[in-house]
C-alpha atoms as a PDB file:
ATOM      1  CA  UNK A   1      59.737 -15.295 -97.654  1.00  0.00           C
ATOM      2  CA  UNK A   2      62.954 -17.015 -96.136  1.00  0.00           C
ATOM      3  CA  UNK A   3      66.241 -16.607 -98.451  1.00  0.00           C
ATOM      4  CA  UNK A   4      69.306 -19.357 -98.403  1.00  0.00           C
ATOM      5  CA  UNK A   5      72.612 -19.408 -99.650  1.00  0.00           C
ATOM      6  CA  UNK A   6      74.172 -22.623-100.177  1.00  0.00           C
ATOM      7  CA  UNK A   7      78.217 -22.494 -99.436  1.00  0.00           C
ATOM      8  CA  UNK A   8      80.216 -25.073-100.652  1.00  0.00           C
ATOM      9  CA  UNK A   9      78.244 -27.033-103.009  1.00  0.00           C
ATOM     10  CA  UNK A  10      80.290 -29.458-105.437  1.00  0.00           C
ATOM     11  CA  UNK A  11      80.684 -29.156-108.363  1.00  0.00           C
ATOM     12  CA  UNK A  12      79.694 -32.399-109.285  1.00  0.00           C
ATOM     13  CA  UNK A  13      76.396 -31.473-106.978  1.00  0.00           C
ATOM     14  CA  UNK A  14      75.368 -28.577-109.119  1.00  0.00           C
ATOM     15  CA  UNK A  15      75.826 -30.433-112.246  1.00  0.00           C
ATOM     16  CA  UNK A  16      73.774 -33.339-111.350  1.00  0.00           C
ATOM     17  CA  UNK A  17      70.928 -30.550-109.617  1.00  0.00           C
ATOM     18  CA  UNK A  18      70.813 -28.875-112.772  1.00  0.00           C
ATOM     19  CA  UNK A  19      70.275 -32.260-114.896  1.00  0.00           C
ATOM     20  CA  UNK A  20      67.380 -33.284-112.459  1.00  0.00           C
ATOM     21  CA  UNK A  21      65.620 -29.531-113.063  1.00  0.00           C
ATOM     22  CA  UNK A  22      65.759 -30.141-116.223  1.00  0.00           C
ATOM     23  CA  UNK A  23      64.374 -33.560-116.300  1.00  0.00           C
ATOM     24  CA  UNK A  24      61.941 -32.171-114.156  1.00  0.00           C
ATOM     25  CA  UNK A  25      61.162 -28.800-116.645  1.00  0.00           C
ATOM     26  CA  UNK A  26      62.449 -26.270-113.388  1.00  0.00           C
ATOM     27  CA  UNK A  27      64.676 -24.255-112.931  1.00  0.00           C
ATOM     28  CA  UNK A  28      67.917 -25.098-110.864  1.00  0.00           C
ATOM     29  CA  UNK A  29      66.199 -22.631-107.724  1.00  0.00           C
ATOM     30  CA  UNK A  30      62.981 -24.153-108.477  1.00  0.00           C
ATOM     31  CA  UNK A  31      64.318 -27.832-107.786  1.00  0.00           C
ATOM     32  CA  UNK A  32      65.784 -27.066-104.904  1.00  0.00           C
ATOM     33  CA  UNK A  33      62.968 -25.189-103.580  1.00  0.00           C
ATOM     34  CA  UNK A  34      60.805 -28.951-104.398  1.00  0.00           C
ATOM     35  CA  UNK A  35      64.047 -31.150-103.028  1.00  0.00           C
ATOM     36  CA  UNK A  36      63.700 -29.307 -99.432  1.00  0.00           C
ATOM     37  CA  UNK A  37      59.906 -29.042 -99.254  1.00  0.00           C
ATOM     38  CA  UNK A  38      59.714 -32.675 -99.716  1.00  0.00           C
ATOM     39  CA  UNK A  39      62.569 -33.509 -97.682  1.00  0.00           C
ATOM     40  CA  UNK A  40      61.203 -31.777 -94.653  1.00  0.00           C
ATOM     41  CA  UNK A  41      57.460 -32.099 -95.276  1.00  0.00           C
ATOM     42  CA  UNK A  42      56.996 -35.057 -96.677  1.00  0.00           C
ATOM     43  CA  UNK A  43      53.131 -36.199 -97.911  1.00  0.00           C
ATOM     44  CA  UNK A  44      53.343 -39.242 -95.698  1.00  0.00           C
ATOM     45  CA  UNK A  45      53.628 -37.004 -92.588  1.00  0.00           C
ATOM     46  CA  UNK A  46      51.252 -37.448 -89.371  1.00  0.00           C
ATOM     47  CA  UNK A  47      49.215 -34.116 -88.924  1.00  0.00           C
ATOM     48  CA  UNK A  48      48.024 -33.868 -85.379  1.00  0.00           C
ATOM     49  CA  UNK A  49      45.062 -32.608 -85.760  1.00  0.00           C
ATOM     50  CA  UNK A  50      44.021 -35.706 -88.045  1.00  0.00           C
ATOM     51  CA  UNK A  51      45.292 -37.805 -86.136  1.00  0.00           C
ATOM     52  CA  UNK A  52      43.267 -36.764 -83.001  1.00  0.00           C
ATOM     53  CA  UNK A  53      40.076 -36.786 -85.412  1.00  0.00           C
ATOM     54  CA  UNK A  54      40.745 -40.162 -86.028  1.00  0.00           C
ATOM     55  CA  UNK A  55      41.513 -41.287 -82.540  1.00  0.00           C
ATOM     56  CA  UNK A  56      38.088 -39.345 -81.364  1.00  0.00           C
ATOM     57  CA  UNK A  57      36.004 -42.035 -84.428  1.00  0.00           C
ATOM     58  CA  UNK A  58      37.672 -44.485 -83.100  1.00  0.00           C
ATOM     59  CA  UNK A  59      36.325 -44.515 -79.735  1.00  0.00           C
ATOM     60  CA  UNK A  60      32.799 -42.645 -80.932  1.00  0.00           C
ATOM     61  CA  UNK A  61      33.106 -39.296 -79.869  1.00  0.00           C
ATOM     62  CA  UNK A  62      30.648 -37.456 -80.920  1.00  0.00           C
ATOM     63  CA  UNK A  63      30.406 -33.987 -82.129  1.00  0.00           C
ATOM     64  CA  UNK A  64      28.021 -33.075 -78.788  1.00  0.00           C
ATOM     65  CA  UNK A  65      31.119 -34.299 -76.541  1.00  0.00           C
ATOM     66  CA  UNK A  66      33.933 -32.442 -78.319  1.00  0.00           C
ATOM     67  CA  UNK A  67      31.915 -29.267 -78.092  1.00  0.00           C
ATOM     68  CA  UNK A  68      31.243 -29.801 -74.424  1.00  0.00           C
ATOM     69  CA  UNK A  69      35.425 -30.248 -73.731  1.00  0.00           C
ATOM     70  CA  UNK A  70      35.928 -27.411 -76.013  1.00  0.00           C
ATOM     71  CA  UNK A  71      33.486 -25.425 -73.417  1.00  0.00           C
ATOM     72  CA  UNK A  72      35.215 -26.646 -70.363  1.00  0.00           C
ATOM     73  CA  UNK A  73      38.887 -25.815 -71.798  1.00  0.00           C
ATOM     74  CA  UNK A  74      40.598 -23.646 -69.520  1.00  0.00           C
ATOM     75  CA  UNK A  75      41.165 -20.544 -72.181  1.00  0.00           C
ATOM     76  CA  UNK A  76      43.783 -18.625 -69.478  1.00  0.00           C
ATOM     77  CA  UNK A  77      47.454 -19.141 -69.729  1.00  0.00           C
ATOM     78  CA  UNK A  78      48.865 -21.655 -67.028  1.00  0.00           C
ATOM     79  CA  UNK A  79      50.220 -19.796 -63.791  1.00  0.00           C
ATOM     80  CA  UNK A  80      54.036 -20.369 -63.554  1.00  0.00           C
ATOM     81  CA  UNK A  81      54.725 -22.965 -61.040  1.00  0.00           C
ATOM     82  CA  UNK A  82      56.895 -21.060 -58.136  1.00  0.00           C
ATOM     83  CA  UNK A  83      59.782 -23.108 -56.876  1.00  0.00           C
ATOM     84  CA  UNK A  84      61.130 -20.556 -54.470  1.00  0.00           C
END
């Protein structure tokens, strides 16, 4: 796991963070992790796989059609474009 150092955090912000951590029965470090997780991974975020599945259901795509698309999909890497 990655480690992060936060420099130049004001004393007021640090105190507020400690209070907030105590309110949630967490350490200050655990509270910072929770805040960062919530900020970068909000619960209402769009998940691509879920969105694509929902679109396919709306248009009536069947499992057999999805399997046919998977079989037809090219699996080798694309060739770079020659601009020369």
